[in-house]
Amino acid sequence: MRQGIVVSDKPDKTVVVRVDIARRHKRYHKILRSSITLHVHDESNDAHAGDTVRVQECRPMSRTKRWRLLEVLERAK
């Protein structure tokens, strides 16, 4: 399970979610920030851009979709 912010909701039944990752460098202990984008299956077109969502890994739905939407945690203002 991952938590992220919806970047795009243009495709039908699909949202693009950005997951931010902050980790510490092993030797220098500086915090390194990176992000990944996931294509998430949204059956009911419930999530919109800016929403905070929770997603779960699942079987491949298409060439790029391997995640499905569990819930919308917070709506965009």
Protein backbone atom coordinates (compact mmCIF):
# COMPACT_ATOMS: atom_id res chain seq x y z
CA MET A 1 0.00 0.00 0.00
CA ARG A 2 1.17 3.50 -0.85
CA GLN A 3 -0.16 6.98 -0.28
CA GLY A 4 0.17 9.81 -2.77
CA ILE A 5 -1.32 12.83 -4.50
CA VAL A 6 -3.35 12.62 -7.72
CA VAL A 7 -1.54 14.48 -10.50
CA SER A 8 -3.94 13.76 -13.39
CA ASP A 9 -7.43 12.32 -13.77
CA LYS A 10 -7.84 12.81 -17.53
CA PRO A 11 -8.04 9.14 -18.67
CA ASP A 12 -11.26 7.22 -18.08
CA LYS A 13 -11.13 4.99 -14.95
CA THR A 14 -7.46 5.88 -14.41
CA VAL A 15 -5.62 8.40 -12.23
CA VAL A 16 -1.92 9.22 -12.14
CA VAL A 17 -0.61 9.37 -8.56
CA ARG A 18 2.70 10.89 -7.41
CA VAL A 19 4.29 9.14 -4.42
CA ASP A 20 6.98 11.19 -2.65
CA ILE A 21 9.84 9.31 -0.99
CA ALA A 22 12.29 10.84 1.51
CA ARG A 23 15.22 8.72 2.62
CA ARG A 24 18.57 9.35 4.28
CA HIS A 25 21.91 8.84 2.51
CA LYS A 26 23.85 5.95 4.05
CA ARG A 27 27.19 7.74 4.42
CA TYR A 28 26.43 11.47 4.37
CA HIS A 29 23.04 11.34 6.13
CA LYS A 30 21.55 14.00 3.90
CA ILE A 31 17.84 13.58 3.21
CA LEU A 32 17.28 12.62 -0.43
CA ARG A 33 13.87 13.31 -1.89
CA SER A 34 12.51 11.53 -4.93
CA SER A 35 9.11 10.72 -6.36
CA ILE A 36 7.54 8.08 -8.55
CA THR A 37 4.35 8.20 -10.59
CA LEU A 38 1.88 5.32 -10.58
CA HIS A 39 -1.00 4.68 -12.95
CA VAL A 40 -3.91 3.65 -10.74
CA HIS A 41 -7.21 1.97 -11.66
CA ASP A 42 -10.18 4.04 -10.44
CA GLU A 43 -13.34 2.10 -11.31
CA SER A 44 -15.85 4.81 -10.32
CA ASN A 45 -13.83 7.88 -11.43
CA ASP A 46 -13.95 9.02 -7.79
CA ALA A 47 -10.56 10.74 -7.38
CA HIS A 48 -9.68 14.11 -8.91
CA ALA A 49 -6.47 16.13 -9.27
CA GLY A 50 -5.01 17.24 -5.95
CA ASP A 51 -6.70 14.54 -3.84
CA THR A 52 -4.66 12.48 -1.38
CA VAL A 53 -5.32 8.77 -2.00
CA ARG A 54 -4.29 5.33 -0.77
CA VAL A 55 -3.48 2.70 -3.43
CA GLN A 56 -2.74 -1.02 -3.37
CA GLU A 57 -0.76 -3.19 -5.76
CA CYS A 58 -2.82 -5.64 -7.83
CA ARG A 59 -2.70 -7.73 -10.98
CA PRO A 60 -1.83 -5.93 -14.23
CA MET A 61 -4.90 -4.09 -15.52
CA SER A 62 -3.16 -2.79 -18.65
CA ARG A 63 0.34 -2.13 -19.95
CA THR A 64 1.04 0.52 -17.31
CA LYS A 65 -1.58 -0.02 -14.57
CA ARG A 66 -0.58 -2.30 -11.70
CA TRP A 67 -2.26 -0.43 -8.84
CA ARG A 68 -5.86 0.11 -7.75
CA LEU A 69 -7.49 2.84 -5.71
CA LEU A 70 -8.50 1.89 -2.17
CA GLU A 71 -9.81 5.17 -0.79
CA VAL A 72 -9.64 8.93 -1.07
CA LEU A 73 -8.13 10.20 2.18
CA GLU A 74 -8.46 13.94 1.60
CA ARG A 75 -10.19 15.96 -1.10
CA ALA A 76 -8.46 18.86 -2.86
CA LYS A 77 -9.57 22.30 -1.76
